[in-house]
Amino acid sequence: MWTCLMWGLELVPQVTPKQVPCDKTRKVFTESWGMISDGPMGSNYTQDSHCEWLIK
């Protein structure tokens, strides 16, 4: 699945990332831009999940 984001006047194609469950590690994001969501609709985190993200 592809989505396009408008950056200035040019289109920037972006591949939609695969949904991956939390794996008890810290995900570090350092990109200059991006999209954050709470996951697919109707989907919940499993009990005792440990999810951590650091945006630098």
N, C-alpha and C. Protein backbone atom coordinates (compact mmCIF):
# COMPACT_ATOMS: atom_id res chain seq x y z
N MET A 1 0.84 -1.17 0.00
CA MET A 1 0.00 0.00 0.00
C MET A 1 0.89 1.24 0.00
N TRP A 2 0.55 2.21 -0.81
CA TRP A 2 1.33 3.45 -0.91
C TRP A 2 0.49 4.63 -0.47
N THR A 3 1.14 5.57 0.20
CA THR A 3 0.50 6.86 0.47
C THR A 3 1.45 7.94 -0.01
N CYS A 4 0.92 9.08 -0.34
CA CYS A 4 1.76 10.20 -0.77
C CYS A 4 1.56 11.36 0.19
N LEU A 5 2.65 11.95 0.58
CA LEU A 5 2.60 13.12 1.45
C LEU A 5 3.04 14.33 0.65
N MET A 6 2.41 15.44 0.91
CA MET A 6 2.77 16.68 0.22
C MET A 6 3.84 17.38 1.03
N TRP A 7 4.99 17.63 0.46
CA TRP A 7 6.08 18.34 1.11
C TRP A 7 6.45 19.48 0.19
N GLY A 8 6.05 20.67 0.55
CA GLY A 8 6.23 21.80 -0.36
C GLY A 8 5.29 21.59 -1.53
N LEU A 9 5.83 21.57 -2.74
CA LEU A 9 5.01 21.33 -3.92
C LEU A 9 5.30 19.99 -4.58
N GLU A 10 6.19 19.20 -4.01
CA GLU A 10 6.49 17.91 -4.62
C GLU A 10 5.84 16.78 -3.83
N LEU A 11 5.48 15.71 -4.52
CA LEU A 11 4.90 14.55 -3.86
C LEU A 11 6.01 13.61 -3.42
N VAL A 12 5.91 13.13 -2.21
CA VAL A 12 6.91 12.22 -1.66
C VAL A 12 6.22 10.89 -1.39
N PRO A 13 6.54 9.82 -2.18
CA PRO A 13 5.90 8.54 -1.92
C PRO A 13 6.40 7.93 -0.62
N GLN A 14 5.52 7.25 0.08
CA GLN A 14 5.90 6.62 1.34
C GLN A 14 5.24 5.25 1.41
N VAL A 15 6.02 4.23 1.75
CA VAL A 15 5.49 2.89 1.93
C VAL A 15 4.91 2.80 3.33
N THR A 16 3.70 2.27 3.45
CA THR A 16 3.07 2.10 4.75
C THR A 16 3.79 0.98 5.50
N PRO A 17 4.29 1.25 6.72
CA PRO A 17 5.02 0.22 7.46
C PRO A 17 4.12 -0.92 7.89
N LYS A 18 4.71 -2.12 8.00
CA LYS A 18 3.97 -3.27 8.49
C LYS A 18 3.68 -3.07 9.97
N GLN A 19 2.54 -3.57 10.42
CA GLN A 19 2.18 -3.49 11.83
C GLN A 19 2.96 -4.55 12.59
N VAL A 20 3.77 -4.13 13.55
CA VAL A 20 4.61 -5.04 14.33
C VAL A 20 4.26 -4.85 15.80
N PRO A 21 4.04 -5.95 16.54
CA PRO A 21 3.72 -5.81 17.96
C PRO A 21 4.92 -5.28 18.75
N CYS A 22 4.65 -4.78 19.94
CA CYS A 22 5.72 -4.32 20.82
C CYS A 22 6.62 -5.49 21.19
N ASP A 23 7.91 -5.26 21.19
CA ASP A 23 8.84 -6.36 21.48
C ASP A 23 9.76 -6.04 22.66
N LYS A 24 9.30 -5.18 23.57
CA LYS A 24 10.02 -4.83 24.80
C LYS A 24 11.35 -4.11 24.54
N THR A 25 11.46 -3.44 23.38
CA THR A 25 12.64 -2.62 23.09
C THR A 25 12.17 -1.19 22.86
N ARG A 26 13.09 -0.24 22.95
CA ARG A 26 12.78 1.17 22.68
C ARG A 26 13.03 1.44 21.20
N LYS A 27 12.03 1.96 20.53
CA LYS A 27 12.17 2.38 19.13
C LYS A 27 12.59 3.84 19.14
N VAL A 28 13.69 4.17 18.45
CA VAL A 28 14.20 5.54 18.40
C VAL A 28 13.97 6.08 16.99
N PHE A 29 13.29 7.21 16.90
CA PHE A 29 13.00 7.85 15.62
C PHE A 29 13.77 9.16 15.53
N THR A 30 14.57 9.34 14.47
CA THR A 30 15.36 10.55 14.30
C THR A 30 15.09 11.25 12.96
N GLU A 31 14.09 10.77 12.21
CA GLU A 31 13.78 11.37 10.93
C GLU A 31 13.28 12.80 11.13
N SER A 32 13.44 13.63 10.10
CA SER A 32 13.02 15.03 10.21
C SER A 32 11.50 15.19 10.11
N TRP A 33 10.80 14.16 9.67
CA TRP A 33 9.35 14.20 9.60
C TRP A 33 8.82 12.76 9.62
N GLY A 34 7.55 12.61 9.89
CA GLY A 34 6.95 11.29 9.89
C GLY A 34 5.49 11.35 10.31
N MET A 35 4.86 10.19 10.37
CA MET A 35 3.46 10.09 10.77
C MET A 35 3.36 9.15 11.96
N ILE A 36 2.57 9.54 12.94
CA ILE A 36 2.37 8.73 14.14
C ILE A 36 0.88 8.40 14.22
N SER A 37 0.58 7.14 14.50
CA SER A 37 -0.82 6.75 14.69
C SER A 37 -0.91 5.77 15.85
N ASP A 38 -2.12 5.50 16.28
CA ASP A 38 -2.31 4.56 17.39
C ASP A 38 -2.63 3.16 16.89
N GLY A 39 -2.35 2.88 15.64
CA GLY A 39 -2.56 1.55 15.09
C GLY A 39 -3.88 1.41 14.37
N PRO A 40 -4.12 0.23 13.81
CA PRO A 40 -5.35 0.02 13.05
C PRO A 40 -6.60 0.07 13.94
N MET A 41 -7.69 0.53 13.37
CA MET A 41 -8.94 0.64 14.12
C MET A 41 -9.41 -0.74 14.58
N GLY A 42 -9.86 -0.82 15.82
CA GLY A 42 -10.35 -2.09 16.36
C GLY A 42 -9.26 -2.99 16.90
N SER A 43 -8.01 -2.52 16.87
CA SER A 43 -6.89 -3.32 17.33
C SER A 43 -6.43 -2.79 18.68
N ASN A 44 -6.11 -3.68 19.61
CA ASN A 44 -5.66 -3.28 20.94
C ASN A 44 -4.30 -3.88 21.24
N TYR A 45 -3.59 -3.28 22.19
CA TYR A 45 -2.34 -3.87 22.67
C TYR A 45 -2.68 -5.07 23.55
N THR A 46 -1.84 -6.08 23.53
CA THR A 46 -2.07 -7.25 24.36
C THR A 46 -1.78 -6.91 25.82
N GLN A 47 -2.33 -7.70 26.72
CA GLN A 47 -2.13 -7.49 28.15
C GLN A 47 -0.64 -7.58 28.48
N ASP A 48 -0.18 -6.73 29.38
CA ASP A 48 1.22 -6.68 29.82
C ASP A 48 2.19 -6.33 28.69
N SER A 49 1.72 -5.58 27.68
CA SER A 49 2.61 -5.12 26.61
C SER A 49 3.56 -4.07 27.16
N HIS A 50 4.73 -3.98 26.58
CA HIS A 50 5.67 -2.91 26.92
C HIS A 50 6.10 -2.27 25.61
N CYS A 51 5.59 -1.08 25.36
CA CYS A 51 5.88 -0.36 24.13
C CYS A 51 6.56 0.95 24.50
N GLU A 52 7.65 1.29 23.81
CA GLU A 52 8.37 2.52 24.13
C GLU A 52 8.92 3.12 22.85
N TRP A 53 8.71 4.46 22.68
CA TRP A 53 9.20 5.18 21.52
C TRP A 53 9.90 6.44 21.99
N LEU A 54 11.03 6.75 21.38
CA LEU A 54 11.76 7.99 21.67
C LEU A 54 11.87 8.76 20.36
N ILE A 55 11.36 9.98 20.36
CA ILE A 55 11.43 10.84 19.17
C ILE A 55 12.47 11.91 19.45
N LYS A 56 13.59 11.85 18.73
CA LYS A 56 14.68 12.82 18.93
C LYS A 56 14.59 13.93 17.93
